Amino acid sequence: MTLTTSFEFEEIVLLTLGILHGNAYGVTIKDEIDQRLGRQVSIGALQNTLLRLEKKGCLASELGDTEASRGGKPKRYFQITSFGRRAMQESRDARDTLWKALPQVIIDMK
């Protein structure tokens, strides 16, 4: 069973941008998520999330050079902003705080 909220997917996308630092564009982001997490991501859901994160100020994008193999269209590269980095850290801190508060009986549950 996989429960993925919009916020969790945003966090996954931001972390993946960090992993791909300097080479993060639609296809590489999708492939990295597919490979590392074993989940298929639709390019449409990914593009919507990238646009939403850019509007929030968590990432920035710029167009690369045009490519003949892409019909003269450039790739759009994404990178995490300092605001996005702080948001990632706050999310991690909140999760760590909650995990540390779990009673052992819950952790040991099978």
N, C-alpha and C. Protein backbone atom coordinates (compact mmCIF):
# COMPACT_ATOMS: atom_id res chain seq x y z
N MET A 1 0.85 -1.18 0.00
CA MET A 1 0.00 0.00 0.00
C MET A 1 0.89 1.23 0.00
N THR A 2 0.60 2.17 -0.87
CA THR A 2 1.37 3.40 -0.94
C THR A 2 0.43 4.58 -0.73
N LEU A 3 0.71 5.33 0.30
CA LEU A 3 -0.05 6.55 0.56
C LEU A 3 0.87 7.73 0.28
N THR A 4 0.59 8.46 -0.75
CA THR A 4 1.42 9.60 -1.10
C THR A 4 0.56 10.84 -1.15
N THR A 5 0.84 11.77 -0.27
CA THR A 5 0.13 13.03 -0.29
C THR A 5 0.82 13.97 -1.25
N SER A 6 0.14 15.04 -1.60
CA SER A 6 0.73 16.06 -2.46
C SER A 6 1.99 16.63 -1.82
N PHE A 7 1.93 16.85 -0.50
CA PHE A 7 3.09 17.40 0.19
C PHE A 7 4.26 16.42 0.16
N GLU A 8 3.98 15.14 0.38
CA GLU A 8 5.05 14.15 0.36
C GLU A 8 5.68 14.09 -1.02
N PHE A 9 4.88 14.16 -2.08
CA PHE A 9 5.43 14.12 -3.43
C PHE A 9 6.28 15.36 -3.69
N GLU A 10 5.86 16.51 -3.19
CA GLU A 10 6.67 17.72 -3.33
C GLU A 10 8.03 17.53 -2.66
N GLU A 11 8.02 16.92 -1.48
CA GLU A 11 9.27 16.67 -0.78
C GLU A 11 10.16 15.71 -1.57
N ILE A 12 9.56 14.67 -2.13
CA ILE A 12 10.30 13.71 -2.96
C ILE A 12 10.93 14.43 -4.16
N VAL A 13 10.17 15.29 -4.80
CA VAL A 13 10.68 16.02 -5.96
C VAL A 13 11.84 16.93 -5.55
N LEU A 14 11.70 17.66 -4.44
CA LEU A 14 12.78 18.54 -3.99
C LEU A 14 14.04 17.75 -3.66
N LEU A 15 13.89 16.63 -2.97
CA LEU A 15 15.05 15.80 -2.65
C LEU A 15 15.72 15.27 -3.91
N THR A 16 14.91 14.90 -4.89
CA THR A 16 15.45 14.40 -6.15
C THR A 16 16.20 15.50 -6.89
N LEU A 17 15.69 16.73 -6.84
CA LEU A 17 16.42 17.84 -7.46
C LEU A 17 17.80 18.00 -6.83
N GLY A 18 17.86 17.82 -5.52
CA GLY A 18 19.14 17.90 -4.83
C GLY A 18 20.09 16.81 -5.29
N ILE A 19 19.58 15.59 -5.44
CA ILE A 19 20.39 14.47 -5.89
C ILE A 19 20.94 14.74 -7.29
N LEU A 20 20.11 15.31 -8.14
CA LEU A 20 20.48 15.56 -9.55
C LEU A 20 21.14 16.93 -9.76
N HIS A 21 21.50 17.58 -8.71
CA HIS A 21 22.06 18.94 -8.76
C HIS A 21 22.79 19.22 -10.08
N GLY A 22 22.27 20.17 -10.82
CA GLY A 22 22.88 20.58 -12.08
C GLY A 22 22.37 19.82 -13.30
N ASN A 23 21.67 18.72 -13.09
CA ASN A 23 21.17 17.93 -14.21
C ASN A 23 19.71 17.54 -14.00
N ALA A 24 18.95 18.43 -13.37
CA ALA A 24 17.56 18.11 -13.03
C ALA A 24 16.61 18.75 -14.05
N TYR A 25 16.08 17.92 -14.93
CA TYR A 25 15.02 18.34 -15.85
C TYR A 25 14.00 17.21 -15.87
N GLY A 26 12.87 17.43 -16.47
CA GLY A 26 11.74 16.52 -16.38
C GLY A 26 12.07 15.04 -16.45
N VAL A 27 12.74 14.62 -17.49
CA VAL A 27 13.01 13.19 -17.68
C VAL A 27 13.96 12.65 -16.63
N THR A 28 15.03 13.38 -16.30
CA THR A 28 15.98 12.87 -15.31
C THR A 28 15.34 12.80 -13.93
N ILE A 29 14.47 13.76 -13.61
CA ILE A 29 13.77 13.74 -12.32
C ILE A 29 12.86 12.52 -12.25
N LYS A 30 12.07 12.33 -13.30
CA LYS A 30 11.15 11.19 -13.35
C LYS A 30 11.91 9.87 -13.24
N ASP A 31 12.97 9.73 -14.02
CA ASP A 31 13.75 8.49 -14.01
C ASP A 31 14.38 8.23 -12.64
N GLU A 32 14.87 9.27 -12.00
CA GLU A 32 15.51 9.12 -10.68
C GLU A 32 14.50 8.65 -9.64
N ILE A 33 13.31 9.24 -9.65
CA ILE A 33 12.26 8.81 -8.72
C ILE A 33 11.85 7.37 -9.00
N ASP A 34 11.65 7.05 -10.28
CA ASP A 34 11.27 5.69 -10.67
C ASP A 34 12.31 4.69 -10.18
N GLN A 35 13.59 5.00 -10.40
CA GLN A 35 14.68 4.08 -10.06
C GLN A 35 14.87 3.96 -8.55
N ARG A 36 14.95 5.08 -7.85
CA ARG A 36 15.27 5.05 -6.41
C ARG A 36 14.11 4.55 -5.55
N LEU A 37 12.89 4.91 -5.93
CA LEU A 37 11.74 4.56 -5.09
C LEU A 37 10.89 3.44 -5.67
N GLY A 38 11.18 3.04 -6.88
CA GLY A 38 10.41 1.97 -7.50
C GLY A 38 8.96 2.33 -7.74
N ARG A 39 8.72 3.60 -7.99
CA ARG A 39 7.34 4.01 -8.29
C ARG A 39 7.31 4.76 -9.61
N GLN A 40 6.28 4.49 -10.37
CA GLN A 40 6.10 5.12 -11.66
C GLN A 40 5.45 6.49 -11.46
N VAL A 41 6.07 7.49 -11.98
CA VAL A 41 5.58 8.86 -11.86
C VAL A 41 5.15 9.32 -13.24
N SER A 42 3.95 9.87 -13.34
CA SER A 42 3.53 10.40 -14.64
C SER A 42 4.21 11.75 -14.85
N ILE A 43 4.57 12.00 -16.09
CA ILE A 43 5.25 13.26 -16.41
C ILE A 43 4.33 14.45 -16.14
N GLY A 44 3.01 14.24 -16.32
CA GLY A 44 2.05 15.32 -16.05
C GLY A 44 2.01 15.69 -14.57
N ALA A 45 1.96 14.68 -13.70
CA ALA A 45 1.96 14.94 -12.26
C ALA A 45 3.26 15.61 -11.85
N LEU A 46 4.37 15.17 -12.43
CA LEU A 46 5.66 15.77 -12.12
C LEU A 46 5.71 17.23 -12.57
N GLN A 47 5.26 17.51 -13.79
CA GLN A 47 5.29 18.89 -14.30
C GLN A 47 4.41 19.80 -13.45
N ASN A 48 3.23 19.33 -13.06
CA ASN A 48 2.36 20.13 -12.20
C ASN A 48 3.03 20.44 -10.86
N THR A 49 3.70 19.45 -10.30
CA THR A 49 4.38 19.63 -9.03
C THR A 49 5.55 20.60 -9.17
N LEU A 50 6.31 20.49 -10.24
CA LEU A 50 7.41 21.41 -10.47
C LEU A 50 6.91 22.85 -10.59
N LEU A 51 5.83 23.06 -11.32
CA LEU A 51 5.26 24.40 -11.46
C LEU A 51 4.76 24.93 -10.12
N ARG A 52 4.11 24.08 -9.34
CA ARG A 52 3.59 24.48 -8.02
C ARG A 52 4.75 24.86 -7.09
N LEU A 53 5.83 24.07 -7.10
CA LEU A 53 6.98 24.36 -6.25
C LEU A 53 7.69 25.64 -6.69
N GLU A 54 7.70 25.88 -7.99
CA GLU A 54 8.32 27.12 -8.48
C GLU A 54 7.49 28.33 -8.05
N LYS A 55 6.16 28.23 -8.11
CA LYS A 55 5.30 29.33 -7.67
C LYS A 55 5.46 29.60 -6.18
N LYS A 56 5.70 28.54 -5.40
CA LYS A 56 5.91 28.70 -3.96
C LYS A 56 7.28 29.29 -3.63
N GLY A 57 8.18 29.29 -4.61
CA GLY A 57 9.53 29.82 -4.38
C GLY A 57 10.52 28.78 -3.91
N CYS A 58 10.14 27.50 -3.97
CA CYS A 58 11.01 26.42 -3.50
C CYS A 58 12.05 26.01 -4.53
N LEU A 59 11.80 26.33 -5.77
CA LEU A 59 12.76 26.03 -6.82
C LEU A 59 12.71 27.10 -7.90
N ALA A 60 13.74 27.10 -8.69
CA ALA A 60 13.83 28.03 -9.83
C ALA A 60 14.15 27.19 -11.06
N SER A 61 13.83 27.73 -12.22
CA SER A 61 14.12 27.00 -13.45
C SER A 61 14.72 27.94 -14.47
N GLU A 62 15.44 27.33 -15.39
CA GLU A 62 15.98 28.08 -16.53
C GLU A 62 16.06 27.16 -17.72
N LEU A 63 15.97 27.75 -18.89
CA LEU A 63 16.03 26.97 -20.12
C LEU A 63 17.48 26.74 -20.51
N GLY A 64 17.77 25.50 -20.95
CA GLY A 64 19.09 25.17 -21.46
C GLY A 64 19.18 25.54 -22.93
N ASP A 65 20.22 25.06 -23.57
CA ASP A 65 20.40 25.31 -25.00
C ASP A 65 19.37 24.52 -25.80
N THR A 66 19.08 25.02 -26.99
CA THR A 66 18.17 24.28 -27.87
C THR A 66 18.88 23.02 -28.34
N GLU A 67 18.08 21.99 -28.60
CA GLU A 67 18.66 20.70 -29.01
C GLU A 67 17.94 20.20 -30.25
N ALA A 68 18.72 19.83 -31.25
CA ALA A 68 18.14 19.31 -32.49
C ALA A 68 17.35 18.03 -32.21
N SER A 69 17.85 17.22 -31.27
CA SER A 69 17.17 15.95 -30.97
C SER A 69 15.80 16.17 -30.34
N ARG A 70 15.55 17.39 -29.87
CA ARG A 70 14.26 17.74 -29.26
C ARG A 70 13.48 18.69 -30.18
N GLY A 71 13.78 18.66 -31.44
CA GLY A 71 13.07 19.52 -32.40
C GLY A 71 13.38 20.99 -32.18
N GLY A 72 14.57 21.28 -31.67
CA GLY A 72 14.98 22.66 -31.43
C GLY A 72 14.48 23.23 -30.11
N LYS A 73 13.81 22.41 -29.32
CA LYS A 73 13.30 22.88 -28.03
C LYS A 73 14.36 22.69 -26.94
N PRO A 74 14.48 23.65 -26.05
CA PRO A 74 15.44 23.51 -24.96
C PRO A 74 14.84 22.72 -23.79
N LYS A 75 15.72 22.15 -22.97
CA LYS A 75 15.27 21.50 -21.74
C LYS A 75 15.12 22.59 -20.69
N ARG A 76 14.17 22.40 -19.77
CA ARG A 76 14.02 23.30 -18.63
C ARG A 76 14.67 22.63 -17.43
N TYR A 77 15.72 23.28 -16.91
CA TYR A 77 16.46 22.75 -15.76
C TYR A 77 15.94 23.39 -14.48
N PHE A 78 15.88 22.59 -13.41
CA PHE A 78 15.37 23.05 -12.13
C PHE A 78 16.44 22.95 -11.06
N GLN A 79 16.38 23.88 -10.11
CA GLN A 79 17.28 23.82 -8.97
C GLN A 79 16.54 24.31 -7.72
N ILE A 80 16.97 23.81 -6.59
CA ILE A 80 16.37 24.19 -5.32
C ILE A 80 16.84 25.59 -4.95
N THR A 81 15.93 26.40 -4.43
CA THR A 81 16.30 27.73 -3.94
C THR A 81 16.66 27.62 -2.45
N SER A 82 17.20 28.69 -1.88
CA SER A 82 17.51 28.67 -0.45
C SER A 82 16.21 28.52 0.37
N PHE A 83 15.12 29.10 -0.11
CA PHE A 83 13.82 28.93 0.55
C PHE A 83 13.40 27.46 0.53
N GLY A 84 13.58 26.81 -0.61
CA GLY A 84 13.25 25.40 -0.74
C GLY A 84 14.11 24.54 0.17
N ARG A 85 15.37 24.89 0.29
CA ARG A 85 16.28 24.14 1.17
C ARG A 85 15.83 24.27 2.63
N ARG A 86 15.44 25.46 3.04
CA ARG A 86 14.95 25.66 4.41
C ARG A 86 13.65 24.89 4.63
N ALA A 87 12.76 24.88 3.66
CA ALA A 87 11.51 24.13 3.77
C ALA A 87 11.78 22.64 3.93
N MET A 88 12.76 22.13 3.18
CA MET A 88 13.14 20.72 3.30
C MET A 88 13.65 20.41 4.70
N GLN A 89 14.48 21.30 5.23
CA GLN A 89 15.04 21.06 6.56
C GLN A 89 13.96 21.11 7.63
N GLU A 90 13.03 22.06 7.52
CA GLU A 90 11.93 22.14 8.48
C GLU A 90 11.07 20.88 8.44
N SER A 91 10.81 20.36 7.25
CA SER A 91 10.04 19.14 7.11
C SER A 91 10.78 17.97 7.75
N ARG A 92 12.06 17.89 7.51
CA ARG A 92 12.86 16.81 8.10
C ARG A 92 12.87 16.91 9.63
N ASP A 93 13.06 18.11 10.14
CA ASP A 93 13.08 18.31 11.59
C ASP A 93 11.75 17.90 12.22
N ALA A 94 10.64 18.28 11.58
CA ALA A 94 9.32 17.93 12.11
C ALA A 94 9.12 16.42 12.11
N ARG A 95 9.50 15.77 11.03
CA ARG A 95 9.37 14.31 10.96
C ARG A 95 10.23 13.63 12.02
N ASP A 96 11.48 14.10 12.18
CA ASP A 96 12.38 13.51 13.17
C ASP A 96 11.81 13.66 14.58
N THR A 97 11.25 14.84 14.88
CA THR A 97 10.65 15.07 16.19
C THR A 97 9.51 14.10 16.45
N LEU A 98 8.66 13.91 15.47
CA LEU A 98 7.53 12.99 15.63
C LEU A 98 7.99 11.54 15.73
N TRP A 99 8.97 11.13 14.93
CA TRP A 99 9.47 9.76 15.01
C TRP A 99 10.07 9.49 16.39
N LYS A 100 10.79 10.45 16.93
CA LYS A 100 11.41 10.27 18.25
C LYS A 100 10.36 10.17 19.36
N ALA A 101 9.18 10.71 19.13
CA ALA A 101 8.13 10.69 20.14
C ALA A 101 7.28 9.41 20.11
N LEU A 102 7.45 8.58 19.09
CA LEU A 102 6.68 7.35 18.99
C LEU A 102 7.03 6.41 20.14
N PRO A 103 6.02 5.85 20.78
CA PRO A 103 6.29 4.84 21.82
C PRO A 103 6.89 3.59 21.19
N GLN A 104 7.72 2.89 21.92
CA GLN A 104 8.41 1.70 21.42
C GLN A 104 7.40 0.64 20.94
N VAL A 105 6.25 0.55 21.60
CA VAL A 105 5.24 -0.44 21.20
C VAL A 105 4.79 -0.24 19.76
N ILE A 106 4.74 0.98 19.32
CA ILE A 106 4.36 1.27 17.93
C ILE A 106 5.52 0.91 16.99
N ILE A 107 6.72 1.23 17.36
CA ILE A 107 7.89 0.93 16.54
C ILE A 107 8.05 -0.58 16.37
N ASP A 108 7.77 -1.34 17.43
CA ASP A 108 7.92 -2.80 17.40
C ASP A 108 6.75 -3.53 16.74
N MET A 109 5.70 -2.81 16.40
CA MET A 109 4.49 -3.41 15.83
C MET A 109 4.82 -4.16 14.53
N LYS A 110 4.20 -5.33 14.38
CA LYS A 110 4.43 -6.10 13.14
C LYS A 110 3.15 -6.31 12.39
